Amino acid sequence: MKINLQISARYYYTACLTASQQAVYRSMLAGFETFSPEIILPAVSSDELQAIFDYVLLDNPLIFFVDPYDNIHKRVSYKNEKECRFKPEYVYSDKEIKEYTEAVAEYLRVFDSIKIKGELDKEIFIYRHCLNELKYNNITDRYSHTILGPVLQKTGVCSGISKFVKLALDYAGVQSLVSIGNGINNATHAKHAWNIVKIDGKTYHLDVTYDMGKVGKVNSYHHFNLSDEDMKKNHIIGENMPPCTTKGMDYYSLNDMIVKNSEELREYISTNLRQGKKDIVYKIVNSDGIENMKKIIMRIAHEQYEKEINGPIGIELNFNIDKMVFEIKYKDI
């Protein structure tokens, strides 16, 4: 049995390898796809083999049946100077692999309707689907680190979710890759995975996991189509990643949710209130310090409510400082 869901193969990480390493990559992938108990490979060092193994799994989310944290050093033997033998660990039976592959194929049909759309529309649909249907859960079972977590359990860790995003984008015909680096949270660094996507020939960072609703918070679009400059505010980008230099394609720019000064904020709030909205989200630029900004926003929020609606109201202000995204919530009292 060979896995084939008619997904356009785009192997980004092969470009990070030498010609001899690419030969190992191709042989390893072919062995995985045919479930070979032993794969004969051109001889490279065990460290090189580990890197190639990692790249194969990043490029090919459908290889969910190989332990992603396998220690290559323990599973390779060298026949001679030209060949080595690699015995992969398949973590599911043939029957389970067939059943899970069919489940993946069935799940992906939800994206059939967007195949005729443009790349940006496809990307937005997939991003919104992930935010609405999937949940981040820092669990340790093997499902969560592969596409099976999102497909079968509707949950996963960053590596499983980012592999699923790549799979969905591949299926829809949008070029992407799984990016490995570090996330920054309260000055601490942790290994993290997200995506880089190519839309109309330009590359952007896309981090679904960071935008998934955590406890007491709602989903957001803070990490949609960001440049390297914006992404570096709370991420450390790994080596060998394509540069993402284009700005103005983030969610807030695309949806005219950018505010540059106090007058624009007044008009933005008034327009939303006149449309009956009491949950107003926007991104601000040209800030002069967060404490002063919070006071200005709260004052303007009160003033505009009195102007447009009038009456008693409570106001809650939430914000993401890294991305300068603010949410004004008007609450009846």
Protein backbone atom coordinates (compact mmCIF):
# COMPACT_ATOMS: atom_id res chain seq x y z
CA MET A 1 0.00 0.00 0.00
CA LYS A 2 1.33 3.43 -0.96
CA ILE A 3 -0.21 6.63 0.37
CA ASN A 4 -1.60 8.84 -2.39
CA LEU A 5 -4.19 11.55 -1.81
CA GLN A 6 -3.30 13.37 -5.04
CA ILE A 7 -1.70 16.21 -3.12
CA SER A 8 0.86 18.29 -4.98
CA ALA A 9 4.21 17.48 -3.39
CA ARG A 10 6.31 20.52 -2.55
CA TYR A 11 9.46 19.51 -0.76
CA TYR A 12 10.95 22.73 0.60
CA TYR A 13 13.55 21.16 2.85
CA THR A 14 15.27 19.26 0.06
CA ALA A 15 16.69 22.64 -1.02
CA CYS A 16 18.51 22.76 2.33
CA LEU A 17 20.41 19.55 1.49
CA THR A 18 23.39 18.69 -0.66
CA ALA A 19 22.94 16.51 -3.73
CA SER A 20 24.11 13.40 -1.84
CA GLN A 21 21.80 14.18 1.08
CA GLN A 22 18.89 14.65 -1.33
CA ALA A 23 19.49 11.11 -2.59
CA VAL A 24 19.13 9.88 1.01
CA TYR A 25 15.95 11.94 1.40
CA ARG A 26 14.37 10.40 -1.72
CA SER A 27 15.27 6.85 -0.69
CA MET A 28 13.99 7.37 2.85
CA LEU A 29 10.69 8.85 1.65
CA ALA A 30 10.18 6.01 -0.83
CA GLY A 31 10.84 3.50 1.94
CA PHE A 32 8.32 5.15 4.26
CA GLU A 33 5.64 5.27 1.56
CA THR A 34 5.96 1.54 0.95
CA PHE A 35 6.39 0.71 4.67
CA SER A 36 9.74 -0.96 4.13
CA PRO A 37 10.95 -2.66 7.32
CA GLU A 38 14.51 -1.85 6.31
CA ILE A 39 15.58 0.99 4.01
CA ILE A 40 18.94 0.87 2.24
CA LEU A 41 20.39 4.39 2.05
CA PRO A 42 23.54 6.01 0.73
CA ALA A 43 25.95 6.26 3.65
CA VAL A 44 25.92 9.57 5.54
CA SER A 45 26.70 10.32 9.17
CA SER A 46 24.04 9.57 11.77
CA ASP A 47 23.72 13.31 12.50
CA GLU A 48 23.05 13.98 8.81
CA LEU A 49 20.57 11.12 8.78
CA GLN A 50 18.72 12.60 11.76
CA ALA A 51 18.40 15.97 10.02
CA ILE A 52 17.18 14.34 6.80
CA PHE A 53 14.67 12.25 8.76
CA ASP A 54 13.29 15.41 10.40
CA TYR A 55 13.08 17.16 7.03
CA VAL A 56 11.18 14.26 5.44
CA LEU A 57 8.53 14.42 8.17
CA LEU A 58 8.25 18.22 7.95
CA ASP A 59 7.80 18.09 4.18
CA ASN A 60 5.39 15.16 4.22
CA PRO A 61 2.60 15.42 6.83
CA LEU A 62 1.05 12.19 5.49
CA ILE A 63 3.94 10.25 7.01
CA PHE A 64 2.12 10.16 10.34
CA PHE A 65 2.90 6.52 11.06
CA VAL A 66 6.62 6.95 11.81
CA ASP A 67 7.63 7.99 15.32
CA PRO A 68 8.52 11.72 14.88
CA TYR A 69 10.90 11.55 17.83
CA ASP A 70 12.69 8.39 16.76
CA ASN A 71 16.39 8.30 17.63
CA ILE A 72 18.07 7.58 14.32
CA HIS A 73 21.38 6.72 15.96
CA LYS A 74 19.84 3.58 17.44
CA ARG A 75 18.17 2.45 14.22
CA VAL A 76 20.94 2.68 11.65
CA SER A 77 23.81 0.32 10.85
CA TYR A 78 26.56 0.76 8.31
CA LYS A 79 27.08 -2.04 5.80
CA ASN A 80 30.14 -0.38 4.25
CA GLU A 81 31.39 3.07 3.31
CA LYS A 82 28.73 3.45 0.61
CA GLU A 83 25.55 2.08 2.23
CA CYS A 84 23.72 2.10 5.53
CA ARG A 85 20.62 0.27 6.73
CA PHE A 86 17.83 2.15 8.46
CA LYS A 87 15.07 0.29 10.30
CA PRO A 88 12.23 2.76 10.94
CA GLU A 89 9.71 2.31 13.75
CA TYR A 90 6.17 2.19 12.40
CA VAL A 91 3.87 3.02 15.28
CA TYR A 92 0.64 1.66 13.76
CA SER A 93 -0.37 -1.61 12.17
CA ASP A 94 -1.09 -1.87 8.43
CA LYS A 95 -4.81 -1.96 9.20
CA GLU A 96 -4.62 1.16 11.37
CA ILE A 97 -2.56 3.04 8.77
CA LYS A 98 -5.15 2.23 6.10
CA GLU A 99 -8.05 3.31 8.33
CA TYR A 100 -6.34 6.53 9.41
CA THR A 101 -5.32 7.40 5.86
CA GLU A 102 -8.93 7.00 4.74
CA ALA A 103 -10.04 9.21 7.64
CA VAL A 104 -7.57 11.89 6.55
CA ALA A 105 -8.80 11.70 2.95
CA GLU A 106 -12.40 12.04 4.10
CA TYR A 107 -11.58 14.98 6.37
CA LEU A 108 -9.81 16.88 3.60
CA ARG A 109 -12.98 16.90 1.51
CA VAL A 110 -14.12 19.88 3.59
CA PHE A 111 -11.64 21.89 1.53
CA ASP A 112 -12.91 20.74 -1.88
CA SER A 113 -15.16 23.78 -2.23
CA ILE A 114 -12.26 26.24 -2.10
CA LYS A 115 -10.09 24.67 -4.80
CA ILE A 116 -11.46 27.07 -7.41
CA LYS A 117 -10.79 30.15 -5.28
CA GLY A 118 -7.72 32.36 -5.21
CA GLU A 119 -4.77 31.59 -2.96
CA LEU A 120 -5.62 34.22 -0.34
CA ASP A 121 -9.25 33.08 -0.07
CA LYS A 122 -8.07 29.48 0.32
CA GLU A 123 -5.66 30.49 3.05
CA ILE A 124 -8.27 32.49 4.97
CA PHE A 125 -10.77 29.63 4.77
CA ILE A 126 -8.24 27.11 6.11
CA TYR A 127 -7.04 29.45 8.85
CA ARG A 128 -10.58 30.17 10.00
CA HIS A 129 -11.45 26.46 9.85
CA CYS A 130 -8.53 25.62 12.13
CA LEU A 131 -9.43 28.35 14.62
CA ASN A 132 -13.07 27.27 14.74
CA GLU A 133 -12.64 23.50 14.68
CA LEU A 134 -9.32 22.72 16.39
CA LYS A 135 -7.94 23.29 19.86
CA TYR A 136 -4.41 23.49 21.15
CA ASN A 137 -3.72 20.96 23.87
CA ASN A 138 -0.27 20.34 25.29
CA ILE A 139 -0.64 16.58 25.48
CA THR A 140 2.03 13.94 25.03
CA ASP A 141 0.35 11.16 23.03
CA ARG A 142 1.74 10.53 19.56
CA TYR A 143 -1.48 11.74 17.88
CA SER A 144 -0.89 15.31 18.97
CA HIS A 145 2.46 15.59 17.14
CA THR A 146 1.07 14.51 13.75
CA ILE A 147 -1.92 15.29 11.54
CA LEU A 148 -3.91 12.58 13.33
CA GLY A 149 -4.38 14.84 16.35
CA PRO A 150 -6.33 17.48 14.39
CA VAL A 151 -8.07 14.93 12.13
CA LEU A 152 -9.15 12.36 14.73
CA GLN A 153 -9.14 14.29 18.01
CA LYS A 154 -9.64 17.91 16.84
CA THR A 155 -6.62 18.88 18.93
CA GLY A 156 -2.85 18.83 18.90
CA VAL A 157 0.37 20.54 19.83
CA CYS A 158 2.04 23.10 17.58
CA SER A 159 3.87 20.49 15.47
CA GLY A 160 0.71 18.49 14.76
CA ILE A 161 -1.35 21.58 14.02
CA SER A 162 1.24 23.14 11.71
CA LYS A 163 1.60 19.83 9.81
CA PHE A 164 -2.18 19.76 9.38
CA VAL A 165 -2.18 23.36 8.12
CA LYS A 166 0.47 22.43 5.54
CA LEU A 167 -1.51 19.35 4.52
CA ALA A 168 -4.69 21.40 4.04
CA LEU A 169 -2.86 24.11 2.09
CA ASP A 170 -1.15 21.48 -0.08
CA TYR A 171 -4.52 19.87 -0.74
CA ALA A 172 -6.01 23.24 -1.73
CA GLY A 173 -3.06 24.03 -3.99
CA VAL A 174 -1.29 26.66 -1.87
CA GLN A 175 2.44 26.38 -1.32
CA SER A 176 3.58 26.27 2.30
CA LEU A 177 6.04 24.72 4.72
CA VAL A 178 6.33 23.88 8.41
CA SER A 179 8.73 26.31 10.07
CA ILE A 180 10.69 25.31 13.17
CA GLY A 181 12.00 27.93 15.59
CA ASN A 182 11.18 29.24 19.05
CA GLY A 183 8.21 31.02 20.55
CA ILE A 184 8.79 33.78 23.09
CA ASN A 185 6.42 34.02 26.04
CA ASN A 186 7.18 36.28 29.00
CA ALA A 187 10.89 36.35 28.06
CA THR A 188 11.11 32.53 27.99
CA HIS A 189 11.91 30.62 24.81
CA ALA A 190 10.39 27.28 23.82
CA LYS A 191 10.73 25.20 20.67
CA HIS A 192 7.78 25.97 18.42
CA ALA A 193 6.38 25.13 14.97
CA TRP A 194 4.28 27.28 12.66
CA ASN A 195 3.89 27.77 8.90
CA ILE A 196 5.27 29.90 6.12
CA VAL A 197 2.89 30.31 3.18
CA LYS A 198 3.37 31.66 -0.33
CA ILE A 199 0.49 33.84 -1.56
CA ASP A 200 0.69 35.35 -5.04
CA GLY A 201 4.43 34.76 -5.11
CA LYS A 202 5.23 36.33 -1.72
CA THR A 203 5.94 34.56 1.57
CA TYR A 204 4.38 35.21 4.99
CA HIS A 205 4.42 33.72 8.48
CA LEU A 206 1.24 32.00 9.62
CA ASP A 207 0.89 30.77 13.22
CA VAL A 208 -2.49 29.17 13.86
CA THR A 209 -1.47 27.80 17.26
CA TYR A 210 -0.62 31.23 18.68
CA ASP A 211 -4.04 32.51 17.57
CA MET A 212 -6.11 29.69 19.02
CA GLY A 213 -8.27 30.65 21.96
CA LYS A 214 -6.65 29.84 25.26
CA VAL A 215 -8.45 29.70 28.61
CA GLY A 216 -10.59 32.81 29.00
CA LYS A 217 -9.62 34.19 25.59
CA VAL A 218 -11.13 34.05 22.13
CA ASN A 219 -9.52 33.21 18.82
CA SER A 220 -7.59 35.99 17.14
CA TYR A 221 -5.82 36.78 13.88
CA HIS A 222 -2.66 38.30 15.34
CA HIS A 223 -0.31 35.95 13.46
CA PHE A 224 -1.84 35.87 9.99
CA ASN A 225 0.49 36.71 7.08
CA LEU A 226 3.20 38.48 9.04
CA SER A 227 6.58 39.71 7.85
CA ASP A 228 9.83 38.64 9.51
CA GLU A 229 9.95 42.00 11.30
CA ASP A 230 6.52 41.55 12.88
CA MET A 231 7.00 37.84 13.59
CA LYS A 232 10.26 38.43 15.46
CA LYS A 233 8.40 40.36 18.16
CA ASN A 234 7.47 37.06 19.79
CA HIS A 235 9.20 34.38 17.69
CA ILE A 236 12.77 33.36 16.93
CA ILE A 237 12.88 32.25 13.31
CA GLY A 238 14.93 29.14 12.58
CA GLU A 239 17.70 28.75 10.03
CA ASN A 240 17.16 28.18 6.30
CA MET A 241 13.76 29.88 6.26
CA PRO A 242 12.72 31.89 3.19
CA PRO A 243 12.64 35.65 3.89
CA CYS A 244 9.22 37.18 4.53
CA THR A 245 9.60 40.89 3.76
CA THR A 246 6.16 41.97 2.54
CA LYS A 247 3.88 43.94 4.86
CA GLY A 248 0.24 44.93 4.55
CA MET A 249 -1.21 41.42 4.11
CA ASP A 250 -1.96 40.78 7.78
CA TYR A 251 -5.60 40.19 8.72
CA TYR A 252 -6.15 43.68 10.12
CA SER A 253 -4.74 45.46 7.07
CA LEU A 254 -6.78 43.28 4.71
CA ASN A 255 -9.99 44.10 6.59
CA ASP A 256 -9.42 47.86 7.07
CA MET A 257 -8.96 47.48 10.83
CA ILE A 258 -5.90 49.72 11.10
CA VAL A 259 -6.00 52.92 13.18
CA LYS A 260 -3.18 55.48 12.95
CA ASN A 261 -4.24 58.25 15.34
CA SER A 262 -6.93 59.42 17.77
CA GLU A 263 -9.18 60.92 15.11
CA GLU A 264 -9.16 57.70 13.11
CA LEU A 265 -9.96 55.80 16.30
CA ARG A 266 -12.96 58.04 17.01
CA GLU A 267 -14.33 57.48 13.52
CA TYR A 268 -13.61 53.74 13.65
CA ILE A 269 -15.45 53.29 16.96
CA SER A 270 -18.39 55.44 15.84
CA THR A 271 -18.75 53.51 12.59
CA ASN A 272 -18.80 50.19 14.44
CA LEU A 273 -21.30 51.45 17.03
CA ARG A 274 -23.62 52.72 14.31
CA GLN A 275 -23.50 49.21 12.81
CA GLY A 276 -24.65 47.78 16.14
CA LYS A 277 -21.27 46.29 17.10
CA LYS A 278 -20.24 46.26 20.73
CA ASP A 279 -17.09 44.16 20.33
CA ILE A 280 -14.64 46.30 18.35
CA VAL A 281 -11.22 45.04 17.32
CA TYR A 282 -8.50 47.03 15.58
CA LYS A 283 -4.74 47.34 15.17
CA ILE A 284 -3.01 50.59 16.08
CA VAL A 285 0.23 52.09 14.77
CA ASN A 286 2.32 55.07 15.86
CA SER A 287 1.92 54.34 19.58
CA ASP A 288 3.36 56.54 22.35
CA GLY A 289 3.56 54.08 25.23
CA ILE A 290 1.02 51.54 26.39
CA GLU A 291 -0.12 53.17 29.66
CA ASN A 292 -0.83 56.50 28.01
CA MET A 293 -2.47 54.69 25.09
CA LYS A 294 -4.84 52.73 27.34
CA LYS A 295 -6.05 55.92 28.97
CA ILE A 296 -6.63 57.58 25.59
CA ILE A 297 -8.48 54.54 24.21
CA MET A 298 -10.77 54.26 27.24
CA ARG A 299 -11.56 57.98 27.12
CA ILE A 300 -12.35 57.90 23.42
CA ALA A 301 -14.40 54.71 23.82
CA HIS A 302 -16.58 56.41 26.47
CA GLU A 303 -16.92 59.62 24.47
CA GLN A 304 -17.95 57.91 21.26
CA TYR A 305 -20.48 55.69 23.04
CA GLU A 306 -22.10 58.73 24.65
CA LYS A 307 -22.16 60.44 21.25
CA GLU A 308 -23.65 57.53 19.29
CA ILE A 309 -25.72 55.57 21.82
CA ASN A 310 -25.78 57.26 25.25
CA GLY A 311 -26.82 55.45 28.41
CA PRO A 312 -24.98 53.41 31.05
CA ILE A 313 -22.29 51.06 29.74
CA GLY A 314 -19.25 49.17 30.98
CA ILE A 315 -16.10 48.99 28.91
CA GLU A 316 -13.50 46.22 28.89
CA LEU A 317 -10.19 46.70 27.07
CA ASN A 318 -8.10 43.71 25.95
CA PHE A 319 -4.92 43.92 23.93
CA ASN A 320 -1.94 42.09 22.47
CA ILE A 321 1.04 44.39 22.95
CA ASP A 322 3.38 42.44 20.65
CA LYS A 323 1.00 42.88 17.72
CA MET A 324 -0.60 46.17 18.92
CA VAL A 325 -4.10 44.72 18.50
CA PHE A 326 -6.82 46.06 20.79
CA GLU A 327 -10.33 44.90 21.59
CA ILE A 328 -12.95 47.23 23.05
CA LYS A 329 -15.92 45.41 24.60
CA TYR A 330 -19.03 47.39 25.51
CA LYS A 331 -20.92 45.56 28.26
CA ASP A 332 -24.38 46.42 29.51
CA ILE A 333 -24.62 47.21 33.22
